[in-house]
Structure formats: C-alpha cells, structure tokens
Amino acid sequence: MTDIYIHESAHVSPDSKIGKGTKIWINAQIREGSSIGENNIISKDAYIDTGVTVGSGCKIQNSVSIYKGVTIEDNVFVGPNACFSNDKVPRAFNSDWKIVKTHVLEGASIGANATIVCGVTIGKFAMVGAGSTVTKNVEDHALVVGNPAKKIGYVCECGERLNDFYCPNCEKRIDIRVEE
C-alpha cells in the first residue's frame, strides 16, 4: 500500500481496499471487505465495518462508527462521534437480523454526535446539524437539525445557508426541486 499513511496503532485488514493518498490515524479500525477511496482522512478511533464503502476526498473524524450496509460517496464530511446504525429492530438475542442499507450522497456533511438511523439516504450537499438524529431521507441541499431531524432550510455546495435558493457567499442560485 504505497502512497497511503497508516498509523502504527491502526488496525487495517489486508482484505480491505485503501486508495492512494488516504491517511488512517491512531487506533482507527478498517475491517475486511471495506473499500476506502483516494485522498481520505480516517481520524483517530474511527471504526469502519465489513463491507462499508467510502468514496474519495472524505473526512471521517474522530470516533465515528460506520457499520456494514453504509455507502458514503465522494467528498463527504462526517463529524466527530457520529454513528450509523444498520439494524431497524436490534435485540441482543436476535440471530436472524437483517442489515438495512444507508446511503450518503456526494458532498453531504454530517455534524458531530449525529446519529444516522439505517435505511435513509442523505442527499447531495445536504447538511445534518450536530447532535441530530436522522430517521428519514434528507433531500439534496437540505439543512436538517434536531431529534428527530427536521428540515429548517437549504444550503449551498459551499455550505452556506441559502436565501430563496440564492447563496450570499458564492452568489450561486441553486435549482432545488422541493419535496413535500
């Protein structure tokens, strides 16, 4: 694995795929069958389960847990201590549980301590506020906050809040098809 940095305390399965330019930091664990794209930062104490896919250009911050069934596309930010679930009806004694898939689309950002309940899609360039619990799909560019997370507006690709679908920061007008 050339052009990859893996801290000596990280546990990276030889049966995982790691793209060039990726950095894996202290005590991170990357399980077998996972696929990590290029130029990612996998921070301290992050856990990436079997079969997880992470695109390229992502930042997975400290103590994030990403479980089997999660797919993360390119340029996604996942804040510290965010957690993804993969079982709709968890029971310690249930040996017949089924993984429910979750999909995070390109450019989305997930705030610190957010919980993503399995079975949802987080749209392109959407933003999940810190501490939020996502229980339903989040549309492209939506800004959601709270428990359960509710849409309070829209954000630009640059991350700034839109005003009538116009970004005062980069001066783009974003064409958003509003879902009711």
Protein backbone atom coordinates (compact mmCIF):
# COMPACT_ATOMS: atom_id res chain seq x y z
CA MET A 1 0.00 0.00 0.00
CA THR A 2 2.18 2.81 -1.26
CA ASP A 3 1.13 6.46 -1.06
CA ILE A 4 -1.04 5.58 1.96
CA TYR A 5 -0.34 6.56 5.55
CA ILE A 6 -1.42 4.09 8.23
CA HIS A 7 -0.53 4.94 11.81
CA GLU A 8 1.22 2.05 13.59
CA SER A 9 -1.66 1.72 16.09
CA ALA A 10 -4.36 1.48 13.41
CA HIS A 11 -5.86 -1.90 12.56
CA VAL A 12 -6.36 -2.19 8.81
CA SER A 13 -7.43 -5.53 7.38
CA PRO A 14 -5.29 -6.74 4.49
CA ASP A 15 -8.65 -7.72 2.92
CA SER A 16 -9.75 -4.06 2.69
CA LYS A 17 -9.08 -1.72 -0.23
CA ILE A 18 -7.46 1.62 0.55
CA GLY A 19 -6.98 4.27 -2.15
CA LYS A 20 -3.79 6.24 -2.62
CA GLY A 21 -3.34 9.42 -0.64
CA THR A 22 -5.55 8.19 2.21
CA LYS A 23 -4.40 8.73 5.80
CA ILE A 24 -5.56 6.43 8.59
CA TRP A 25 -4.81 7.69 12.08
CA ILE A 26 -4.37 6.45 15.66
CA ASN A 27 -6.45 3.43 16.72
CA ALA A 28 -8.68 3.52 13.64
CA GLN A 29 -10.04 0.15 12.53
CA ILE A 30 -10.80 -0.73 8.92
CA ARG A 31 -12.46 -4.15 8.60
CA GLU A 32 -12.21 -6.78 5.88
CA GLY A 33 -14.18 -6.25 2.70
CA SER A 34 -14.42 -2.48 3.17
CA SER A 35 -13.42 -0.12 0.37
CA ILE A 36 -11.92 3.29 1.07
CA GLY A 37 -11.30 5.64 -1.87
CA GLU A 38 -8.45 8.04 -2.52
CA ASN A 39 -7.33 11.08 -0.51
CA ASN A 40 -9.43 10.41 2.57
CA ILE A 41 -8.71 11.21 6.19
CA ILE A 42 -9.82 8.49 8.59
CA SER A 43 -9.27 10.05 12.02
CA LYS A 44 -8.42 8.72 15.47
CA ASP A 45 -10.60 5.90 16.83
CA ALA A 46 -12.82 5.69 13.72
CA TYR A 47 -14.43 2.30 13.07
CA ILE A 48 -15.30 1.17 9.54
CA ASP A 49 -17.09 -2.19 9.49
CA THR A 50 -17.02 -5.01 6.95
CA GLY A 51 -18.40 -4.21 3.53
CA VAL A 52 -18.57 -0.43 4.06
CA THR A 53 -17.78 1.76 1.06
CA VAL A 54 -16.29 5.23 1.48
CA GLY A 55 -15.69 7.30 -1.67
CA SER A 56 -12.77 9.66 -2.28
CA GLY A 57 -11.99 13.01 -0.68
CA CYS A 58 -13.90 12.25 2.54
CA LYS A 59 -13.10 13.31 6.09
CA ILE A 60 -14.18 10.80 8.72
CA GLN A 61 -13.49 12.49 12.06
CA ASN A 62 -12.56 11.06 15.48
CA SER A 63 -14.61 8.21 16.96
CA VAL A 64 -17.03 7.85 14.04
CA SER A 65 -18.71 4.43 13.75
CA ILE A 66 -19.75 3.30 10.26
CA TYR A 67 -21.39 -0.12 10.21
CA LYS A 68 -21.98 -2.70 7.49
CA GLY A 69 -24.58 -1.59 4.95
CA VAL A 70 -23.41 2.03 4.75
CA THR A 71 -22.20 3.59 1.50
CA ILE A 72 -20.62 7.04 1.57
CA GLU A 73 -19.97 8.81 -1.72
CA ASP A 74 -17.19 11.31 -2.56
CA ASN A 75 -16.34 14.48 -0.62
CA VAL A 76 -18.46 13.68 2.44
CA PHE A 77 -17.65 15.10 5.89
CA VAL A 78 -18.60 13.03 8.94
CA GLY A 79 -18.10 14.91 12.22
CA PRO A 80 -16.65 13.55 15.46
CA ASN A 81 -18.61 10.81 17.25
CA ALA A 82 -21.24 10.47 14.52
CA CYS A 83 -22.76 6.99 14.38
CA PHE A 84 -24.55 4.99 11.70
CA SER A 85 -26.86 2.12 12.64
CA ASN A 86 -27.67 -0.89 10.45
CA ASP A 87 -30.45 -2.79 12.25
CA LYS A 88 -34.04 -1.49 12.48
CA VAL A 89 -35.02 -3.82 15.34
CA PRO A 90 -31.90 -4.52 17.38
CA ARG A 91 -32.03 -7.23 20.03
CA ALA A 92 -29.03 -8.88 21.66
CA PHE A 93 -30.70 -12.29 21.34
CA ASN A 94 -31.82 -11.93 17.68
CA SER A 95 -29.63 -14.10 15.46
CA ASP A 96 -31.82 -13.52 12.39
CA TRP A 97 -31.36 -9.76 11.99
CA LYS A 98 -31.09 -8.08 8.61
CA ILE A 99 -28.81 -5.25 7.58
CA VAL A 100 -30.70 -2.18 6.38
CA LYS A 101 -28.69 -0.06 3.93
CA THR A 102 -27.89 3.64 4.29
CA HIS A 103 -26.54 5.91 1.57
CA VAL A 104 -24.78 9.27 1.96
CA LEU A 105 -24.55 11.13 -1.34
CA GLU A 106 -21.76 13.32 -2.69
CA GLY A 107 -20.73 16.40 -0.76
CA ALA A 108 -23.00 15.86 2.25
CA SER A 109 -21.89 16.92 5.75
CA ILE A 110 -22.87 15.21 8.99
CA GLY A 111 -22.29 17.15 12.21
CA ALA A 112 -20.63 15.99 15.41
CA ASN A 113 -22.56 13.46 17.52
CA ALA A 114 -25.22 12.94 14.86
CA THR A 115 -26.97 9.57 14.70
CA ILE A 116 -28.00 8.21 11.32
CA VAL A 117 -30.71 5.57 11.68
CA CYS A 118 -30.38 2.90 8.99
CA GLY A 119 -32.46 2.85 5.84
CA VAL A 120 -32.10 6.51 4.91
CA THR A 121 -30.46 8.43 2.10
CA ILE A 122 -28.76 11.72 2.85
CA GLY A 123 -28.86 13.82 -0.33
CA LYS A 124 -26.16 15.61 -2.26
CA PHE A 125 -24.65 18.56 -0.39
CA ALA A 126 -27.16 18.12 2.45
CA MET A 127 -26.09 19.15 5.95
CA VAL A 128 -27.04 17.35 9.17
CA GLY A 129 -26.65 19.54 12.25
CA ALA A 130 -24.56 18.48 15.23
CA GLY A 131 -26.39 16.17 17.62
CA SER A 132 -29.23 15.47 15.19
CA THR A 133 -30.93 12.10 14.80
CA VAL A 134 -31.76 11.34 11.16
CA THR A 135 -34.75 8.98 10.87
CA LYS A 136 -35.97 9.89 7.35
CA ASN A 137 -34.41 10.65 3.98
CA VAL A 138 -32.77 14.05 3.66
CA GLU A 139 -33.20 15.73 0.28
CA ASP A 140 -30.36 17.32 -1.70
CA HIS A 141 -29.07 20.58 -0.17
CA ALA A 142 -31.41 20.30 2.84
CA LEU A 143 -30.30 21.52 6.26
CA VAL A 144 -31.74 19.29 8.99
CA VAL A 145 -31.42 19.63 12.77
CA GLY A 146 -32.90 18.14 15.92
CA ASN A 147 -34.19 14.85 17.27
CA PRO A 148 -35.75 13.68 15.09
CA ALA A 149 -34.03 15.79 12.45
CA LYS A 150 -36.31 18.21 10.62
CA LYS A 151 -35.59 20.39 7.60
CA ILE A 152 -35.10 24.05 8.50
CA GLY A 153 -33.75 25.30 5.18
CA TYR A 154 -31.29 24.64 2.42
CA VAL A 155 -27.53 25.02 1.99
CA CYS A 156 -25.27 25.73 -0.95
CA GLU A 157 -22.46 23.43 -2.09
CA CYS A 158 -20.13 25.81 -0.23
CA GLY A 159 -22.06 25.09 2.99
CA GLU A 160 -23.70 28.48 3.49
CA ARG A 161 -27.42 28.72 4.12
CA LEU A 162 -29.47 29.68 1.07
CA ASN A 163 -31.83 32.64 0.96
CA ASP A 164 -34.59 31.95 -1.59
CA PHE A 165 -32.25 29.39 -3.19
CA TYR A 166 -29.53 32.04 -3.60
CA CYS A 167 -26.16 31.82 -1.85
CA PRO A 168 -24.98 35.15 -0.45
CA ASN A 169 -21.46 33.71 -0.08
CA CYS A 170 -20.62 32.38 -3.54
CA GLU A 171 -23.54 34.08 -5.34
CA LYS A 172 -24.86 30.88 -6.88
CA ARG A 173 -28.53 30.22 -7.46
CA ILE A 174 -29.31 26.59 -6.65
CA ASP A 175 -32.08 24.80 -8.54
CA ILE A 176 -33.76 22.67 -5.89
CA ARG A 177 -36.80 20.54 -6.51
CA VAL A 178 -38.62 20.87 -3.22
CA GLU A 179 -40.16 17.63 -1.90
CA GLU A 180 -43.39 17.98 0.03
